Amino acid sequence: MTQRTKFYHAGCAVCVDAERRFADALDPDRYDVEVVHLGEAPDRIAEAEAAGVKSVPAFVVDGHPYHINFGASLDDLKGGA
């Protein structure tokens, strides 16, 4: 059984690197990863906030947010949306 996992990012260099290094490296037999580019899908920012995401890049695994590095705050993304 795989764990539903979301990887939220905004397309910045930090986010793209995190996607390449971490999201793509997770075992697909254990993790079902959905990549959500909030720059392309700003309507999903509220979803990320509700999941506890404060900045991107961030994973949400089993309902728990894990922030990798500080690329951009969700407040900054909302300002540009």
C-alpha atoms as a PDB file:
ATOM      1  CA  MET A   1       0.000   0.000   0.000  1.00  0.00           C
ATOM      2  CA  THR A   2       1.361   3.412  -0.946  1.00  0.00           C
ATOM      3  CA  GLN A   3       1.170   6.587   1.111  1.00  0.00           C
ATOM      4  CA  ARG A   4      -0.442   9.528  -0.609  1.00  0.00           C
ATOM      5  CA  THR A   5       2.116  12.285  -0.728  1.00  0.00           C
ATOM      6  CA  LYS A   6       1.980  15.790  -2.159  1.00  0.00           C
ATOM      7  CA  PHE A   7       5.000  17.841  -3.069  1.00  0.00           C
ATOM      8  CA  TYR A   8       4.174  21.542  -3.254  1.00  0.00           C
ATOM      9  CA  HIS A   9       6.524  23.942  -5.002  1.00  0.00           C
ATOM     10  CA  ALA A  10       6.571  27.217  -6.904  1.00  0.00           C
ATOM     11  CA  GLY A  11       9.051  26.507  -9.672  1.00  0.00           C
ATOM     12  CA  CYS A  12      12.000  28.359  -8.129  1.00  0.00           C
ATOM     13  CA  ALA A  13      15.508  26.898  -8.353  1.00  0.00           C
ATOM     14  CA  VAL A  14      15.322  25.545  -4.772  1.00  0.00           C
ATOM     15  CA  CYS A  15      11.975  23.883  -5.524  1.00  0.00           C
ATOM     16  CA  VAL A  16      13.080  22.329  -8.807  1.00  0.00           C
ATOM     17  CA  ASP A  17      16.225  20.967  -7.147  1.00  0.00           C
ATOM     18  CA  ALA A  18      14.154  19.522  -4.272  1.00  0.00           C
ATOM     19  CA  GLU A  19      11.789  17.872  -6.737  1.00  0.00           C
ATOM     20  CA  ARG A  20      14.682  16.291  -8.615  1.00  0.00           C
ATOM     21  CA  ARG A  21      16.528  15.173  -5.480  1.00  0.00           C
ATOM     22  CA  PHE A  22      13.661  14.096  -3.235  1.00  0.00           C
ATOM     23  CA  ALA A  23      10.283  13.733  -4.946  1.00  0.00           C
ATOM     24  CA  ASP A  24      11.708  11.771  -7.856  1.00  0.00           C
ATOM     25  CA  ALA A  25      13.832   9.640  -5.502  1.00  0.00           C
ATOM     26  CA  LEU A  26      10.968   8.283  -3.382  1.00  0.00           C
ATOM     27  CA  ASP A  27      10.134   4.629  -3.882  1.00  0.00           C
ATOM     28  CA  PRO A  28       6.952   4.539  -6.003  1.00  0.00           C
ATOM     29  CA  ASP A  29       5.993   1.247  -4.332  1.00  0.00           C
ATOM     30  CA  ARG A  30       5.772   3.118  -1.015  1.00  0.00           C
ATOM     31  CA  TYR A  31       4.807   6.683  -1.992  1.00  0.00           C
ATOM     32  CA  ASP A  32       2.245   7.954  -4.473  1.00  0.00           C
ATOM     33  CA  VAL A  33       3.657  11.459  -5.081  1.00  0.00           C
ATOM     34  CA  GLU A  34       1.564  14.207  -6.629  1.00  0.00           C
ATOM     35  CA  VAL A  35       3.660  17.215  -7.639  1.00  0.00           C
ATOM     36  CA  VAL A  36       1.736  20.484  -7.274  1.00  0.00           C
ATOM     37  CA  HIS A  37       3.315  23.550  -8.897  1.00  0.00           C
ATOM     38  CA  LEU A  38       1.585  26.415  -7.082  1.00  0.00           C
ATOM     39  CA  GLY A  39       2.857  28.943  -9.623  1.00  0.00           C
ATOM     40  CA  GLU A  40       0.849  27.117 -12.276  1.00  0.00           C
ATOM     41  CA  ALA A  41      -2.040  26.175  -9.967  1.00  0.00           C
ATOM     42  CA  PRO A  42      -2.517  29.156  -7.606  1.00  0.00           C
ATOM     43  CA  ASP A  43      -6.038  27.927  -6.886  1.00  0.00           C
ATOM     44  CA  ARG A  44      -4.422  25.146  -4.811  1.00  0.00           C
ATOM     45  CA  ILE A  45      -2.612  27.491  -2.398  1.00  0.00           C
ATOM     46  CA  ALA A  46      -5.526  27.257   0.068  1.00  0.00           C
ATOM     47  CA  GLU A  47      -5.251  23.446  -0.083  1.00  0.00           C
ATOM     48  CA  ALA A  48      -1.539  23.658   0.774  1.00  0.00           C
ATOM     49  CA  GLU A  49      -2.278  26.067   3.644  1.00  0.00           C
ATOM     50  CA  ALA A  50      -4.974  23.763   5.010  1.00  0.00           C
ATOM     51  CA  ALA A  51      -2.419  20.934   4.989  1.00  0.00           C
ATOM     52  CA  GLY A  52      -0.056  23.021   7.152  1.00  0.00           C
ATOM     53  CA  VAL A  53       2.347  24.170   4.453  1.00  0.00           C
ATOM     54  CA  LYS A  54       3.932  27.535   5.315  1.00  0.00           C
ATOM     55  CA  SER A  55       6.561  27.712   2.573  1.00  0.00           C
ATOM     56  CA  VAL A  56       7.668  25.772  -0.457  1.00  0.00           C
ATOM     57  CA  PRO A  57       9.179  23.388  -1.288  1.00  0.00           C
ATOM     58  CA  ALA A  58       7.299  21.122   1.083  1.00  0.00           C
ATOM     59  CA  PHE A  59       5.988  17.590   1.216  1.00  0.00           C
ATOM     60  CA  VAL A  60       2.764  16.549   2.879  1.00  0.00           C
ATOM     61  CA  VAL A  61       3.014  12.880   3.831  1.00  0.00           C
ATOM     62  CA  ASP A  62       0.183  11.170   5.608  1.00  0.00           C
ATOM     63  CA  GLY A  63      -1.293  14.548   6.551  1.00  0.00           C
ATOM     64  CA  HIS A  64       1.960  15.924   8.004  1.00  0.00           C
ATOM     65  CA  PRO A  65       3.835  18.816   6.350  1.00  0.00           C
ATOM     66  CA  TYR A  66       7.615  18.621   5.947  1.00  0.00           C
ATOM     67  CA  HIS A  67       9.380  21.776   4.829  1.00  0.00           C
ATOM     68  CA  ILE A  68      12.610  21.105   2.963  1.00  0.00           C
ATOM     69  CA  ASN A  69      14.093  24.566   2.572  1.00  0.00           C
ATOM     70  CA  PHE A  70      12.775  28.084   2.307  1.00  0.00           C
ATOM     71  CA  GLY A  71      12.123  28.877  -1.343  1.00  0.00           C
ATOM     72  CA  ALA A  72       9.020  31.075  -0.990  1.00  0.00           C
ATOM     73  CA  SER A  73       6.342  31.625   1.612  1.00  0.00           C
ATOM     74  CA  LEU A  74       2.736  30.942   0.721  1.00  0.00           C
ATOM     75  CA  ASP A  75       1.995  34.570   1.575  1.00  0.00           C
ATOM     76  CA  ASP A  76       4.407  35.625  -1.188  1.00  0.00           C
ATOM     77  CA  LEU A  77       2.672  33.272  -3.617  1.00  0.00           C
ATOM     78  CA  LYS A  78      -0.737  34.674  -2.707  1.00  0.00           C
ATOM     79  CA  GLY A  79       0.541  38.191  -3.387  1.00  0.00           C
ATOM     80  CA  GLY A  80       1.530  37.164  -6.893  1.00  0.00           C
ATOM     81  CA  ALA A  81      -1.589  35.104  -7.572  1.00  0.00           C
END
